[in-house]
Amino acid sequence: MFDRLTRIEDADADVNTVDVPFRFYPCLTAGLAYYIAMKKSPERVKLLKAVYEEEFERAAAEDRDRSSLSLTPSSTYYQLI
């Protein structure tokens, strides 16, 4: 298994795009609307939070292993010297 941790790049870098997988774009915009509403329009917070959580669940559900093949290295071929 290969895990990699990277930081999201700044939106004002090189090409002005956010370093987020495309399936998270609706979640990102819903989250931004939710956080802005907390400051500017508190009456909309409850609705926007529900939309944000729904979009996040939808995007997170796509982050799963869909492969039927699993490769695991074997250490039986290595000899200790």
N, C-alpha and C. Protein backbone atom coordinates (compact mmCIF):
# COMPACT_ATOMS: atom_id res chain seq x y z
N MET A 1 0.85 -1.17 0.00
CA MET A 1 0.00 0.00 0.00
C MET A 1 0.90 1.24 0.00
N PHE A 2 0.51 2.23 -0.75
CA PHE A 2 1.28 3.46 -0.88
C PHE A 2 0.44 4.63 -0.42
N ASP A 3 0.89 5.32 0.60
CA ASP A 3 0.20 6.51 1.10
C ASP A 3 1.10 7.72 0.86
N ARG A 4 0.46 8.82 0.53
CA ARG A 4 1.21 10.04 0.29
C ARG A 4 0.47 11.21 0.90
N LEU A 5 1.17 12.04 1.59
CA LEU A 5 0.58 13.22 2.21
C LEU A 5 1.18 14.45 1.56
N THR A 6 0.32 15.27 0.96
CA THR A 6 0.77 16.52 0.35
C THR A 6 -0.10 17.65 0.84
N ARG A 7 0.43 18.83 0.79
CA ARG A 7 -0.33 20.01 1.17
C ARG A 7 -1.02 20.58 -0.06
N ILE A 8 -2.16 21.20 0.15
CA ILE A 8 -2.86 21.85 -0.94
C ILE A 8 -2.08 23.09 -1.34
N GLU A 9 -1.85 23.25 -2.64
CA GLU A 9 -1.10 24.40 -3.10
C GLU A 9 -1.98 25.65 -3.07
N ASP A 10 -1.33 26.78 -2.99
CA ASP A 10 -2.02 28.06 -2.93
C ASP A 10 -2.72 28.35 -4.27
N ALA A 11 -3.90 28.96 -4.22
CA ALA A 11 -4.66 29.24 -5.43
C ALA A 11 -4.03 30.35 -6.26
N ASP A 12 -3.15 31.15 -5.70
CA ASP A 12 -2.54 32.22 -6.49
C ASP A 12 -1.20 31.81 -7.11
N ALA A 13 -0.84 30.55 -6.98
CA ALA A 13 0.39 30.05 -7.58
C ALA A 13 0.18 29.84 -9.08
N ASP A 14 1.25 29.73 -9.80
CA ASP A 14 1.36 29.52 -11.25
C ASP A 14 0.08 29.67 -12.08
N VAL A 15 -0.84 28.73 -12.01
CA VAL A 15 -1.98 28.71 -12.94
C VAL A 15 -3.31 29.10 -12.29
N ASN A 16 -3.30 29.52 -11.04
CA ASN A 16 -4.51 29.96 -10.34
C ASN A 16 -5.60 28.88 -10.25
N THR A 17 -5.21 27.67 -10.04
CA THR A 17 -6.18 26.59 -9.81
C THR A 17 -5.90 25.98 -8.44
N VAL A 18 -6.94 25.48 -7.83
CA VAL A 18 -6.80 24.88 -6.52
C VAL A 18 -6.37 23.43 -6.68
N ASP A 19 -5.45 22.98 -5.86
CA ASP A 19 -4.92 21.62 -5.93
C ASP A 19 -5.83 20.68 -5.14
N VAL A 20 -7.03 20.44 -5.69
CA VAL A 20 -8.03 19.59 -5.06
C VAL A 20 -8.58 18.65 -6.13
N PRO A 21 -8.79 17.38 -5.82
CA PRO A 21 -9.40 16.49 -6.81
C PRO A 21 -10.75 17.02 -7.28
N PHE A 22 -11.06 16.82 -8.56
CA PHE A 22 -12.27 17.41 -9.15
C PHE A 22 -13.54 16.99 -8.44
N ARG A 23 -13.58 15.80 -7.85
CA ARG A 23 -14.80 15.36 -7.18
C ARG A 23 -15.07 16.13 -5.89
N PHE A 24 -14.06 16.86 -5.40
CA PHE A 24 -14.23 17.67 -4.19
C PHE A 24 -14.59 19.12 -4.49
N TYR A 25 -14.69 19.53 -5.75
CA TYR A 25 -15.05 20.91 -6.07
C TYR A 25 -16.40 21.32 -5.50
N PRO A 26 -17.47 20.53 -5.66
CA PRO A 26 -18.75 20.93 -5.05
C PRO A 26 -18.65 21.03 -3.53
N CYS A 27 -17.90 20.14 -2.92
CA CYS A 27 -17.70 20.17 -1.48
C CYS A 27 -16.93 21.43 -1.08
N LEU A 28 -15.93 21.79 -1.84
CA LEU A 28 -15.13 22.97 -1.56
C LEU A 28 -15.99 24.24 -1.63
N THR A 29 -16.78 24.37 -2.68
CA THR A 29 -17.61 25.57 -2.82
C THR A 29 -18.70 25.62 -1.76
N ALA A 30 -19.29 24.46 -1.43
CA ALA A 30 -20.31 24.43 -0.38
C ALA A 30 -19.69 24.78 0.97
N GLY A 31 -18.49 24.32 1.21
CA GLY A 31 -17.81 24.64 2.46
C GLY A 31 -17.46 26.11 2.56
N LEU A 32 -17.01 26.70 1.46
CA LEU A 32 -16.71 28.12 1.47
C LEU A 32 -17.98 28.95 1.71
N ALA A 33 -19.08 28.55 1.06
CA ALA A 33 -20.35 29.26 1.28
C ALA A 33 -20.79 29.14 2.73
N TYR A 34 -20.60 27.98 3.31
CA TYR A 34 -20.96 27.77 4.72
C TYR A 34 -20.15 28.68 5.64
N TYR A 35 -18.84 28.73 5.43
CA TYR A 35 -17.98 29.55 6.28
C TYR A 35 -18.24 31.05 6.09
N ILE A 36 -18.54 31.46 4.88
CA ILE A 36 -18.88 32.87 4.65
C ILE A 36 -20.21 33.21 5.32
N ALA A 37 -21.17 32.29 5.24
CA ALA A 37 -22.49 32.52 5.85
C ALA A 37 -22.39 32.65 7.36
N MET A 38 -21.43 31.99 7.98
CA MET A 38 -21.27 32.11 9.43
C MET A 38 -20.99 33.56 9.82
N LYS A 39 -20.33 34.30 8.93
CA LYS A 39 -20.01 35.69 9.24
C LYS A 39 -21.02 36.67 8.66
N LYS A 40 -21.53 36.40 7.47
CA LYS A 40 -22.34 37.37 6.75
C LYS A 40 -23.84 37.13 6.81
N SER A 41 -24.26 35.86 6.90
CA SER A 41 -25.69 35.54 6.83
C SER A 41 -26.02 34.36 7.74
N PRO A 42 -26.05 34.58 9.06
CA PRO A 42 -26.24 33.48 10.01
C PRO A 42 -27.54 32.70 9.82
N GLU A 43 -28.56 33.28 9.21
CA GLU A 43 -29.82 32.56 9.02
C GLU A 43 -29.70 31.44 7.99
N ARG A 44 -28.67 31.45 7.18
CA ARG A 44 -28.47 30.42 6.15
C ARG A 44 -27.51 29.32 6.58
N VAL A 45 -26.92 29.46 7.74
CA VAL A 45 -25.87 28.53 8.18
C VAL A 45 -26.36 27.09 8.24
N LYS A 46 -27.52 26.87 8.80
CA LYS A 46 -28.03 25.50 8.97
C LYS A 46 -28.21 24.81 7.62
N LEU A 47 -28.81 25.49 6.66
CA LEU A 47 -29.02 24.92 5.33
C LEU A 47 -27.68 24.66 4.64
N LEU A 48 -26.78 25.62 4.68
CA LEU A 48 -25.50 25.46 3.99
C LEU A 48 -24.63 24.39 4.64
N LYS A 49 -24.75 24.22 5.95
CA LYS A 49 -23.99 23.17 6.61
C LYS A 49 -24.47 21.79 6.15
N ALA A 50 -25.78 21.64 6.00
CA ALA A 50 -26.34 20.37 5.52
C ALA A 50 -25.88 20.08 4.10
N VAL A 51 -25.86 21.09 3.24
CA VAL A 51 -25.39 20.91 1.86
C VAL A 51 -23.91 20.54 1.86
N TYR A 52 -23.13 21.24 2.67
CA TYR A 52 -21.69 20.97 2.76
C TYR A 52 -21.42 19.53 3.21
N GLU A 53 -22.11 19.07 4.25
CA GLU A 53 -21.89 17.71 4.75
C GLU A 53 -22.32 16.66 3.73
N GLU A 54 -23.41 16.93 3.01
CA GLU A 54 -23.87 16.00 1.97
C GLU A 54 -22.84 15.91 0.84
N GLU A 55 -22.33 17.05 0.40
CA GLU A 55 -21.33 17.06 -0.66
C GLU A 55 -20.03 16.37 -0.22
N PHE A 56 -19.65 16.58 1.04
CA PHE A 56 -18.44 15.93 1.53
C PHE A 56 -18.61 14.42 1.57
N GLU A 57 -19.75 13.95 2.05
CA GLU A 57 -20.00 12.50 2.09
C GLU A 57 -19.97 11.90 0.69
N ARG A 58 -20.54 12.62 -0.27
CA ARG A 58 -20.55 12.13 -1.66
C ARG A 58 -19.12 12.05 -2.20
N ALA A 59 -18.31 13.06 -1.97
CA ALA A 59 -16.94 13.06 -2.47
C ALA A 59 -16.09 12.03 -1.73
N ALA A 60 -16.26 11.91 -0.43
CA ALA A 60 -15.47 10.96 0.35
C ALA A 60 -15.82 9.52 -0.01
N ALA A 61 -17.05 9.27 -0.42
CA ALA A 61 -17.46 7.92 -0.81
C ALA A 61 -16.71 7.46 -2.06
N GLU A 62 -16.25 8.39 -2.87
CA GLU A 62 -15.50 8.03 -4.07
C GLU A 62 -14.05 7.70 -3.75
N ASP A 63 -13.57 8.03 -2.56
CA ASP A 63 -12.20 7.72 -2.15
C ASP A 63 -12.12 6.32 -1.57
N ARG A 64 -12.33 5.34 -2.40
CA ARG A 64 -12.26 3.96 -1.95
C ARG A 64 -11.51 3.16 -3.00
N ASP A 65 -11.02 2.03 -2.58
CA ASP A 65 -10.30 1.15 -3.50
C ASP A 65 -11.31 0.40 -4.34
N ARG A 66 -11.31 0.63 -5.64
CA ARG A 66 -12.24 -0.03 -6.54
C ARG A 66 -11.57 -1.13 -7.36
N SER A 67 -10.36 -1.46 -7.02
CA SER A 67 -9.62 -2.44 -7.76
C SER A 67 -9.88 -3.85 -7.21
N SER A 68 -9.94 -4.81 -8.09
CA SER A 68 -10.11 -6.19 -7.65
C SER A 68 -8.75 -6.87 -7.46
N LEU A 69 -7.67 -6.17 -7.79
CA LEU A 69 -6.33 -6.72 -7.69
C LEU A 69 -5.61 -6.08 -6.51
N SER A 70 -5.00 -6.92 -5.70
CA SER A 70 -4.23 -6.43 -4.57
C SER A 70 -2.86 -7.09 -4.61
N LEU A 71 -1.80 -6.30 -4.65
CA LEU A 71 -0.43 -6.83 -4.70
C LEU A 71 0.24 -6.59 -3.36
N THR A 72 0.82 -7.66 -2.82
CA THR A 72 1.54 -7.57 -1.56
C THR A 72 2.92 -8.15 -1.75
N PRO A 73 3.97 -7.39 -1.47
CA PRO A 73 5.32 -7.92 -1.66
C PRO A 73 5.61 -9.06 -0.69
N SER A 74 6.36 -10.02 -1.17
CA SER A 74 6.74 -11.16 -0.35
C SER A 74 8.21 -11.04 0.02
N SER A 75 8.54 -11.34 1.25
CA SER A 75 9.93 -11.27 1.68
C SER A 75 10.61 -12.64 1.65
N THR A 76 9.97 -13.65 1.09
CA THR A 76 10.55 -14.99 1.07
C THR A 76 11.74 -15.09 0.13
N TYR A 77 11.88 -14.20 -0.84
CA TYR A 77 12.97 -14.27 -1.78
C TYR A 77 14.23 -13.55 -1.31
N TYR A 78 14.13 -12.86 -0.22
CA TYR A 78 15.28 -12.15 0.31
C TYR A 78 16.05 -13.06 1.26
N GLN A 79 17.35 -13.08 1.12
CA GLN A 79 18.18 -13.88 2.00
C GLN A 79 19.00 -12.95 2.89
N LEU A 80 19.12 -13.33 4.11
CA LEU A 80 19.97 -12.57 5.03
C LEU A 80 21.41 -13.00 4.85
N ILE A 81 22.29 -12.05 4.78
CA ILE A 81 23.71 -12.36 4.57
C ILE A 81 24.44 -12.30 5.88
